[in-house]
PDB file of N, CA and C in Angstrom:
ATOM      1  N   UNK A   1      -9.494  -1.282-139.537  1.00  0.00           N
ATOM      2  CA  UNK A   1      -8.831  -1.467-140.818  1.00  0.00           C
ATOM      3  C   UNK A   1      -8.710  -2.967-141.059  1.00  0.00           C
ATOM      4  N   UNK A   2      -9.064  -3.404-142.250  1.00  0.00           N
ATOM      5  CA  UNK A   2      -9.012  -4.827-142.568  1.00  0.00           C
ATOM      6  C   UNK A   2      -7.572  -5.309-142.696  1.00  0.00           C
ATOM      7  N   UNK A   3      -7.398  -6.623-142.577  1.00  0.00           N
ATOM      8  CA  UNK A   3      -6.067  -7.219-142.685  1.00  0.00           C
ATOM      9  C   UNK A   3      -5.462  -6.931-144.053  1.00  0.00           C
ATOM     10  N   UNK A   4      -6.277  -7.058-145.108  1.00  0.00           N
ATOM     11  CA  UNK A   4      -5.777  -6.790-146.457  1.00  0.00           C
ATOM     12  C   UNK A   4      -5.325  -5.354-146.631  1.00  0.00           C
ATOM     13  N   UNK A   5      -6.083  -4.432-146.064  1.00  0.00           N
ATOM     14  CA  UNK A   5      -5.734  -3.015-146.163  1.00  0.00           C
ATOM     15  C   UNK A   5      -4.460  -2.726-145.381  1.00  0.00           C
ATOM     16  N   UNK A   6      -4.339  -3.332-144.197  1.00  0.00           N
ATOM     17  CA  UNK A   6      -3.123  -3.148-143.405  1.00  0.00           C
ATOM     18  C   UNK A   6      -1.908  -3.708-144.128  1.00  0.00           C
ATOM     19  N   UNK A   7      -2.081  -4.874-144.750  1.00  0.00           N
ATOM     20  CA  UNK A   7      -0.962  -5.473-145.478  1.00  0.00           C
ATOM     21  C   UNK A   7      -0.554  -4.591-146.647  1.00  0.00           C
ATOM     22  N   UNK A   8      -1.541  -4.063-147.372  1.00  0.00           N
ATOM     23  CA  UNK A   8      -1.245  -3.180-148.502  1.00  0.00           C
ATOM     24  C   UNK A   8      -0.536  -1.919-148.053  1.00  0.00           C
ATOM     25  N   UNK A   9      -0.994  -1.348-146.948  1.00  0.00           N
ATOM     26  CA  UNK A   9      -0.355  -0.141-146.423  1.00  0.00           C
ATOM     27  C   UNK A   9       1.064  -0.457-145.952  1.00  0.00           C
ATOM     28  N   UNK A  10       1.255  -1.638-145.351  1.00  0.00           N
ATOM     29  CA  UNK A  10       2.597  -2.034-144.912  1.00  0.00           C
ATOM     30  C   UNK A  10       3.550  -2.169-146.079  1.00  0.00           C
ATOM     31  N   UNK A  11       3.078  -2.774-147.172  1.00  0.00           N
ATOM     32  CA  UNK A  11       3.909  -2.924-148.365  1.00  0.00           C
ATOM     33  C   UNK A  11       4.252  -1.559-148.935  1.00  0.00           C
ATOM     34  N   UNK A  12       3.251  -0.675-148.991  1.00  0.00           N
ATOM     35  CA  UNK A  12       3.493   0.655-149.522  1.00  0.00           C
ATOM     36  C   UNK A  12       4.480   1.420-148.649  1.00  0.00           C
ATOM     37  N   UNK A  13       4.319   1.335-147.337  1.00  0.00           N
ATOM     38  CA  UNK A  13       5.254   2.025-146.440  1.00  0.00           C
ATOM     39  C   UNK A  13       6.665   1.488-146.604  1.00  0.00           C
ATOM     40  N   UNK A  14       6.787   0.187-146.781  1.00  0.00           N
ATOM     41  CA  UNK A  14       8.115  -0.395-146.998  1.00  0.00           C
ATOM     42  C   UNK A  14       8.722   0.140-148.275  1.00  0.00           C
ATOM     43  N   UNK A  15       7.898   0.268-149.314  1.00  0.00           N
ATOM     44  CA  UNK A  15       8.401   0.796-150.580  1.00  0.00           C
ATOM     45  C   UNK A  15       8.863   2.239-150.415  1.00  0.00           C
ATOM     46  N   UNK A  16       8.110   3.025-149.649  1.00  0.00           N
ATOM     47  CA  UNK A  16       8.483   4.421-149.419  1.00  0.00           C
ATOM     48  C   UNK A  16       9.804   4.493-148.668  1.00  0.00           C
ATOM     49  N   UNK A  17       9.950   3.687-147.636  1.00  0.00           N
ATOM     50  CA  UNK A  17      11.175   3.698-146.836  1.00  0.00           C
ATOM     51  C   UNK A  17      12.381   3.335-147.689  1.00  0.00           C
ATOM     52  N   UNK A  18      12.192   2.403-148.603  1.00  0.00           N
ATOM     53  CA  UNK A  18      13.315   1.911-149.390  1.00  0.00           C
ATOM     54  C   UNK A  18      13.760   2.840-150.509  1.00  0.00           C
ATOM     55  N   UNK A  19      12.956   3.843-150.856  1.00  0.00           N
ATOM     56  CA  UNK A  19      13.409   4.610-152.003  1.00  0.00           C
ATOM     57  C   UNK A  19      12.851   6.003-152.184  1.00  0.00           C
ATOM     58  N   UNK A  20      12.825   6.823-151.181  1.00  0.00           N
ATOM     59  CA  UNK A  20      12.310   8.181-151.341  1.00  0.00           C
ATOM     60  C   UNK A  20      13.265   9.031-152.173  1.00  0.00           C
ATOM     61  N   UNK A  21      12.687   9.823-153.044  1.00  0.00           N
ATOM     62  CA  UNK A  21      13.471  10.708-153.903  1.00  0.00           C
ATOM     63  C   UNK A  21      13.522  12.102-153.286  1.00  0.00           C
ATOM     64  N   UNK A  22      14.388  12.935-153.795  1.00  0.00           N
ATOM     65  CA  UNK A  22      14.478  14.301-153.334  1.00  0.00           C
ATOM     66  C   UNK A  22      13.335  15.143-153.870  1.00  0.00           C
ATOM     67  N   UNK A  23      13.215  16.385-153.416  1.00  0.00           N
ATOM     68  CA  UNK A  23      12.102  17.230-153.830  1.00  0.00           C
ATOM     69  C   UNK A  23      12.162  17.601-155.314  1.00  0.00           C
ATOM     70  N   UNK A  24      11.000  17.679-155.903  1.00  0.00           N
ATOM     71  CA  UNK A  24      10.832  18.073-157.295  1.00  0.00           C
ATOM     72  C   UNK A  24       9.660  19.035-157.325  1.00  0.00           C
ATOM     73  N   UNK A  25       9.653  20.011-158.218  1.00  0.00           N
ATOM     74  CA  UNK A  25       8.612  21.030-158.229  1.00  0.00           C
ATOM     75  C   UNK A  25       7.285  20.580-158.823  1.00  0.00           C
ATOM     76  N   UNK A  26       7.280  19.822-159.901  1.00  0.00           N
ATOM     77  CA  UNK A  26       6.039  19.403-160.538  1.00  0.00           C
ATOM     78  C   UNK A  26       5.900  17.891-160.445  1.00  0.00           C
ATOM     79  N   UNK A  27       4.651  17.414-160.434  1.00  0.00           N
ATOM     80  CA  UNK A  27       4.401  15.976-160.365  1.00  0.00           C
ATOM     81  C   UNK A  27       4.873  15.323-161.652  1.00  0.00           C
ATOM     82  N   UNK A  28       5.928  14.517-161.594  1.00  0.00           N
ATOM     83  CA  UNK A  28       6.514  13.962-162.811  1.00  0.00           C
ATOM     84  C   UNK A  28       5.917  12.632-163.267  1.00  0.00           C
ATOM     85  N   UNK A  29       4.953  12.077-162.524  1.00  0.00           N
ATOM     86  CA  UNK A  29       4.401  10.763-162.880  1.00  0.00           C
ATOM     87  C   UNK A  29       3.605  10.871-164.177  1.00  0.00           C
ATOM     88  N   UNK A  30       4.030  10.149-165.188  1.00  0.00           N
ATOM     89  CA  UNK A  30       3.327  10.261-166.474  1.00  0.00           C
ATOM     90  C   UNK A  30       2.978   8.918-167.102  1.00  0.00           C
ATOM     91  N   UNK A  31       3.246   7.802-166.418  1.00  0.00           N
ATOM     92  CA  UNK A  31       2.913   6.496-166.991  1.00  0.00           C
ATOM     93  C   UNK A  31       1.399   6.363-167.110  1.00  0.00           C
ATOM     94  N   UNK A  32       0.912   5.752-168.179  1.00  0.00           N
ATOM     95  CA  UNK A  32      -0.538   5.554-168.322  1.00  0.00           C
ATOM     96  C   UNK A  32      -1.038   4.573-167.270  1.00  0.00           C
ATOM     97  N   UNK A  33      -2.236   4.816-166.758  1.00  0.00           N
ATOM     98  CA  UNK A  33      -2.791   3.942-165.732  1.00  0.00           C
ATOM     99  C   UNK A  33      -3.778   2.933-166.315  1.00  0.00           C
ATOM    100  N   UNK A  34      -4.018   2.967-167.602  1.00  0.00           N
ATOM    101  CA  UNK A  34      -4.935   1.997-168.187  1.00  0.00           C
ATOM    102  C   UNK A  34      -4.374   0.592-168.010  1.00  0.00           C
ATOM    103  N   UNK A  35      -5.252  -0.348-167.822  1.00  0.00           N
ATOM    104  CA  UNK A  35      -4.824  -1.719-167.628  1.00  0.00           C
ATOM    105  C   UNK A  35      -4.684  -2.106-166.168  1.00  0.00           C
ATOM    106  N   UNK A  36      -4.788  -1.140-165.267  1.00  0.00           N
ATOM    107  CA  UNK A  36      -4.730  -1.430-163.841  1.00  0.00           C
ATOM    108  C   UNK A  36      -6.141  -1.420-163.283  1.00  0.00           C
ATOM    109  N   UNK A  37      -6.375  -2.208-162.244  1.00  0.00           N
ATOM    110  CA  UNK A  37      -7.695  -2.241-161.611  1.00  0.00           C
ATOM    111  C   UNK A  37      -7.538  -1.934-160.119  1.00  0.00           C
ATOM    112  N   UNK A  38      -8.606  -1.468-159.511  1.00  0.00           N
ATOM    113  CA  UNK A  38      -8.581  -1.148-158.088  1.00  0.00           C
ATOM    114  C   UNK A  38      -8.162  -2.375-157.291  1.00  0.00           C
ATOM    115  N   UNK A  39      -7.277  -2.192-156.356  1.00  0.00           N
ATOM    116  CA  UNK A  39      -6.817  -3.264-155.505  1.00  0.00           C
ATOM    117  C   UNK A  39      -5.678  -4.090-156.077  1.00  0.00           C
ATOM    118  N   UNK A  40      -5.283  -3.801-157.304  1.00  0.00           N
ATOM    119  CA  UNK A  40      -4.188  -4.555-157.919  1.00  0.00           C
ATOM    120  C   UNK A  40      -2.878  -4.193-157.228  1.00  0.00           C
ATOM    121  N   UNK A  41      -2.031  -5.182-157.007  1.00  0.00           N
ATOM    122  CA  UNK A  41      -0.725  -4.958-156.385  1.00  0.00           C
ATOM    123  C   UNK A  41       0.261  -4.536-157.467  1.00  0.00           C
ATOM    124  N   UNK A  42       0.941  -3.432-157.233  1.00  0.00           N
ATOM    125  CA  UNK A  42       1.992  -2.959-158.123  1.00  0.00           C
ATOM    126  C   UNK A  42       3.245  -2.766-157.272  1.00  0.00           C
ATOM    127  N   UNK A  43       4.397  -2.851-157.896  1.00  0.00           N
ATOM    128  CA  UNK A  43       5.638  -2.724-157.142  1.00  0.00           C
ATOM    129  C   UNK A  43       6.633  -1.874-157.906  1.00  0.00           C
ATOM    130  N   UNK A  44       7.480  -1.187-157.196  1.00  0.00           N
ATOM    131  CA  UNK A  44       8.527  -0.374-157.788  1.00  0.00           C
ATOM    132  C   UNK A  44       9.146   0.488-156.716  1.00  0.00           C
ATOM    133  N   UNK A  45      10.240   1.102-157.042  1.00  0.00           N
ATOM    134  CA  UNK A  45      10.935   2.001-156.127  1.00  0.00           C
ATOM    135  C   UNK A  45      10.170   3.324-156.073  1.00  0.00           C
ATOM    136  N   UNK A  46      10.065   3.896-154.886  1.00  0.00           N
ATOM    137  CA  UNK A  46       9.441   5.217-154.769  1.00  0.00           C
ATOM    138  C   UNK A  46      10.401   6.222-155.371  1.00  0.00           C
ATOM    139  N   UNK A  47       9.929   6.917-156.400  1.00  0.00           N
ATOM    140  CA  UNK A  47      10.763   7.867-157.131  1.00  0.00           C
ATOM    141  C   UNK A  47      10.467   9.314-156.778  1.00  0.00           C
ATOM    142  N   UNK A  48       9.259   9.571-156.250  1.00  0.00           N
ATOM    143  CA  UNK A  48       8.832  10.950-155.994  1.00  0.00           C
ATOM    144  C   UNK A  48       7.691  10.928-154.988  1.00  0.00           C
ATOM    145  N   UNK A  49       7.715  11.832-154.024  1.00  0.00           N
ATOM    146  CA  UNK A  49       6.605  12.012-153.096  1.00  0.00           C
ATOM    147  C   UNK A  49       5.988  13.368-153.408  1.00  0.00           C
ATOM    148  N   UNK A  50       4.735  13.361-153.834  1.00  0.00           N
ATOM    149  CA  UNK A  50       4.077  14.592-154.267  1.00  0.00           C
ATOM    150  C   UNK A  50       3.571  15.428-153.116  1.00  0.00           C
ATOM    151  N   UNK A  51       2.809  14.816-152.239  1.00  0.00           N
ATOM    152  CA  UNK A  51       2.311  15.488-151.047  1.00  0.00           C
ATOM    153  C   UNK A  51       2.068  14.409-149.995  1.00  0.00           C
ATOM    154  N   UNK A  52       1.219  14.666-149.032  1.00  0.00           N
ATOM    155  CA  UNK A  52       1.038  13.717-147.946  1.00  0.00           C
ATOM    156  C   UNK A  52       0.248  12.475-148.294  1.00  0.00           C
ATOM    157  N   UNK A  53      -0.367  12.436-149.470  1.00  0.00           N
ATOM    158  CA  UNK A  53      -1.152  11.255-149.824  1.00  0.00           C
ATOM    159  C   UNK A  53      -0.946  10.776-151.263  1.00  0.00           C
ATOM    160  N   UNK A  54       0.132  11.205-151.896  1.00  0.00           N
ATOM    161  CA  UNK A  54       0.417  10.707-153.249  1.00  0.00           C
ATOM    162  C   UNK A  54       1.920  10.590-153.475  1.00  0.00           C
ATOM    163  N   UNK A  55       2.277   9.596-154.273  1.00  0.00           N
ATOM    164  CA  UNK A  55       3.677   9.358-154.591  1.00  0.00           C
ATOM    165  C   UNK A  55       3.760   8.660-155.939  1.00  0.00           C
ATOM    166  N   UNK A  56       4.944   8.581-156.476  1.00  0.00           N
ATOM    167  CA  UNK A  56       5.177   7.900-157.750  1.00  0.00           C
ATOM    168  C   UNK A  56       6.113   6.730-157.511  1.00  0.00           C
ATOM    169  N   UNK A  57       5.815   5.603-158.148  1.00  0.00           N
ATOM    170  CA  UNK A  57       6.717   4.462-158.093  1.00  0.00           C
ATOM    171  C   UNK A  57       7.113   4.084-159.509  1.00  0.00           C
ATOM    172  N   UNK A  58       8.272   3.482-159.649  1.00  0.00           N
ATOM    173  CA  UNK A  58       8.727   3.031-160.957  1.00  0.00           C
ATOM    174  C   UNK A  58       9.955   2.158-160.823  1.00  0.00           C
ATOM    175  N   UNK A  59      10.114   1.279-161.762  1.00  0.00           N
ATOM    176  CA  UNK A  59      11.277   0.393-161.752  1.00  0.00           C
ATOM    177  C   UNK A  59      12.469   1.014-162.452  1.00  0.00           C
ATOM    178  N   UNK A  60      12.207   2.007-163.305  1.00  0.00           N
ATOM    179  CA  UNK A  60      13.290   2.682-164.036  1.00  0.00           C
ATOM    180  C   UNK A  60      13.328   4.153-163.648  1.00  0.00           C
ATOM    181  N   UNK A  61      14.410   4.841-164.012  1.00  0.00           N
ATOM    182  CA  UNK A  61      14.589   6.250-163.653  1.00  0.00           C
ATOM    183  C   UNK A  61      13.738   7.197-164.490  1.00  0.00           C
ATOM    184  N   UNK A  62      13.256   6.756-165.644  1.00  0.00           N
ATOM    185  CA  UNK A  62      12.502   7.626-166.542  1.00  0.00           C
ATOM    186  C   UNK A  62      11.114   7.940-165.977  1.00  0.00           C
ATOM    187  N   UNK A  63      10.790   9.231-165.741  1.00  0.00           N
ATOM    188  CA  UNK A  63       9.469   9.595-165.219  1.00  0.00           C
ATOM    189  C   UNK A  63       8.308   9.102-166.077  1.00  0.00           C
ATOM    190  N   UNK A  64       8.551   8.872-167.340  1.00  0.00           N
ATOM    191  CA  UNK A  64       7.466   8.384-168.203  1.00  0.00           C
ATOM    192  C   UNK A  64       7.048   6.958-167.843  1.00  0.00           C
ATOM    193  N   UNK A  65       7.819   6.295-166.982  1.00  0.00           N
ATOM    194  CA  UNK A  65       7.480   4.941-166.554  1.00  0.00           C
ATOM    195  C   UNK A  65       6.930   4.911-165.127  1.00  0.00           C
ATOM    196  N   UNK A  66       6.849   6.066-164.478  1.00  0.00           N
ATOM    197  CA  UNK A  66       6.408   6.134-163.094  1.00  0.00           C
ATOM    198  C   UNK A  66       4.897   6.152-163.013  1.00  0.00           C
ATOM    199  N   UNK A  67       4.365   5.432-162.056  1.00  0.00           N
ATOM    200  CA  UNK A  67       2.927   5.345-161.836  1.00  0.00           C
ATOM    201  C   UNK A  67       2.582   6.117-160.572  1.00  0.00           C
ATOM    202  N   UNK A  68       1.593   6.999-160.667  1.00  0.00           N
ATOM    203  CA  UNK A  68       1.179   7.753-159.492  1.00  0.00           C
ATOM    204  C   UNK A  68       0.292   6.883-158.614  1.00  0.00           C
ATOM    205  N   UNK A  69       0.592   6.878-157.336  1.00  0.00           N
ATOM    206  CA  UNK A  69      -0.178   6.136-156.340  1.00  0.00           C
ATOM    207  C   UNK A  69      -0.828   7.140-155.403  1.00  0.00           C
ATOM    208  N   UNK A  70      -2.147   7.055-155.294  1.00  0.00           N
ATOM    209  CA  UNK A  70      -2.885   7.889-154.343  1.00  0.00           C
ATOM    210  C   UNK A  70      -3.290   6.991-153.188  1.00  0.00           C
ATOM    211  N   UNK A  71      -2.950   7.364-151.977  1.00  0.00           N
ATOM    212  CA  UNK A  71      -3.243   6.544-150.812  1.00  0.00           C
ATOM    213  C   UNK A  71      -4.721   6.651-150.451  1.00  0.00           C
ATOM    214  N   UNK A  72      -5.396   5.512-150.395  1.00  0.00           N
ATOM    215  CA  UNK A  72      -6.812   5.468-150.036  1.00  0.00           C
ATOM    216  C   UNK A  72      -6.986   5.768-148.551  1.00  0.00           C
ATOM    217  N   UNK A  73      -8.073   6.444-148.239  1.00  0.00           N
ATOM    218  CA  UNK A  73      -8.434   6.747-146.852  1.00  0.00           C
ATOM    219  C   UNK A  73      -7.395   7.588-146.130  1.00  0.00           C
ATOM    220  N   UNK A  74      -6.614   8.361-146.866  1.00  0.00           N
ATOM    221  CA  UNK A  74      -5.662   9.296-146.275  1.00  0.00           C
ATOM    222  C   UNK A  74      -6.041  10.682-146.778  1.00  0.00           C
ATOM    223  N   UNK A  75      -6.333  11.594-145.856  1.00  0.00           N
ATOM    224  CA  UNK A  75      -6.715  12.950-146.228  1.00  0.00           C
ATOM    225  C   UNK A  75      -5.649  13.901-145.698  1.00  0.00           C
ATOM    226  N   UNK A  76      -4.573  14.049-146.455  1.00  0.00           N
ATOM    227  CA  UNK A  76      -3.470  14.913-146.045  1.00  0.00           C
ATOM    228  C   UNK A  76      -3.636  16.292-146.683  1.00  0.00           C
ATOM    229  N   UNK A  77      -3.039  17.272-146.064  1.00  0.00           N
ATOM    230  CA  UNK A  77      -3.068  18.632-146.600  1.00  0.00           C
ATOM    231  C   UNK A  77      -2.373  18.667-147.958  1.00  0.00           C
ATOM    232  N   UNK A  78      -2.930  19.449-148.881  1.00  0.00           N
ATOM    233  CA  UNK A  78      -2.288  19.627-150.179  1.00  0.00           C
ATOM    234  C   UNK A  78      -1.001  20.422-149.988  1.00  0.00           C
ATOM    235  N   UNK A  79      -0.060  20.248-150.886  1.00  0.00           N
ATOM    236  CA  UNK A  79       1.269  20.819-150.736  1.00  0.00           C
ATOM    237  C   UNK A  79       1.243  22.341-150.567  1.00  0.00           C
ATOM    238  N   UNK A  80       0.328  23.008-151.258  1.00  0.00           N
ATOM    239  CA  UNK A  80       0.296  24.476-151.218  1.00  0.00           C
ATOM    240  C   UNK A  80      -0.633  25.037-150.137  1.00  0.00           C
ATOM    241  N   UNK A  81      -1.049  24.203-149.176  1.00  0.00           N
ATOM    242  CA  UNK A  81      -1.902  24.657-148.083  1.00  0.00           C
ATOM    243  C   UNK A  81      -1.154  24.520-146.764  1.00  0.00           C
ATOM    244  N   UNK A  82      -1.642  25.173-145.692  1.00  0.00           N
ATOM    245  CA  UNK A  82      -0.970  25.037-144.403  1.00  0.00           C
ATOM    246  C   UNK A  82      -0.842  23.558-144.006  1.00  0.00           C
ATOM    247  N   UNK A  83       0.330  23.163-143.624  1.00  0.00           N
ATOM    248  CA  UNK A  83       0.599  21.790-143.222  1.00  0.00           C
ATOM    249  C   UNK A  83       0.967  20.867-144.376  1.00  0.00           C
ATOM    250  N   UNK A  84       0.903  21.364-145.600  1.00  0.00           N
ATOM    251  CA  UNK A  84       1.175  20.524-146.768  1.00  0.00           C
ATOM    252  C   UNK A  84       2.609  20.029-146.845  1.00  0.00           C
ATOM    253  N   UNK A  85       3.550  20.913-146.603  1.00  0.00           N
ATOM    254  CA  UNK A  85       4.963  20.497-146.659  1.00  0.00           C
ATOM    255  C   UNK A  85       5.284  19.530-145.529  1.00  0.00           C
ATOM    256  N   UNK A  86       4.672  19.745-144.374  1.00  0.00           N
ATOM    257  CA  UNK A  86       4.893  18.837-143.249  1.00  0.00           C
ATOM    258  C   UNK A  86       4.303  17.456-143.567  1.00  0.00           C
ATOM    259  N   UNK A  87       3.132  17.413-144.203  1.00  0.00           N
ATOM    260  CA  UNK A  87       2.514  16.126-144.587  1.00  0.00           C
ATOM    261  C   UNK A  87       3.384  15.392-145.608  1.00  0.00           C
ATOM    262  N   UNK A  88       3.947  16.136-146.545  1.00  0.00           N
ATOM    263  CA  UNK A  88       4.825  15.531-147.549  1.00  0.00           C
ATOM    264  C   UNK A  88       6.074  14.930-146.889  1.00  0.00           C
ATOM    265  N   UNK A  89       6.683  15.683-145.974  1.00  0.00           N
ATOM    266  CA  UNK A  89       7.871  15.181-145.261  1.00  0.00           C
ATOM    267  C   UNK A  89       7.526  13.927-144.453  1.00  0.00           C
ATOM    268  N   UNK A  90       6.348  13.909-143.839  1.00  0.00           N
ATOM    269  CA  UNK A  90       5.951  12.747-143.033  1.00  0.00           C
ATOM    270  C   UNK A  90       5.832  11.502-143.904  1.00  0.00           C
ATOM    271  N   UNK A  91       5.237  11.642-145.096  1.00  0.00           N
ATOM    272  CA  UNK A  91       5.121  10.488-145.995  1.00  0.00           C
ATOM    273  C   UNK A  91       6.504  10.067-146.506  1.00  0.00           C
ATOM    274  N   UNK A  92       7.334  11.031-146.838  1.00  0.00           N
ATOM    275  CA  UNK A  92       8.674  10.719-147.337  1.00  0.00           C
ATOM    276  C   UNK A  92       9.503   9.989-146.282  1.00  0.00           C
ATOM    277  N   UNK A  93       9.322  10.331-145.032  1.00  0.00           N
ATOM    278  CA  UNK A  93      10.072   9.687-143.953  1.00  0.00           C
ATOM    279  C   UNK A  93       9.632   8.248-143.726  1.00  0.00           C
ATOM    280  N   UNK A  94       8.384   7.930-144.075  1.00  0.00           N
ATOM    281  CA  UNK A  94       7.888   6.555-143.912  1.00  0.00           C
ATOM    282  C   UNK A  94       8.532   5.682-144.926  1.00  0.00           C
TER     283      UNK A  94
END
């Protein structure tokens, strides 16, 4: 893993640790992703953990401002498959 990738993952893990939200049934991330480019650094409080490889961050409480983050090079079980809830809990705990 490259230094840049490790640093990005470290920042993301720190963000997850600092602000995991409670469980929600549907993915509430609805902020538009236009204007962002691959590798761009974004920051915000973790508002929602969808499954083992996706989460939402946002600076405000309104879900319409939350941006969905998909973790690169992470292949976690989907929430509705065996191991999915365990993968979600593992990401939320980080």
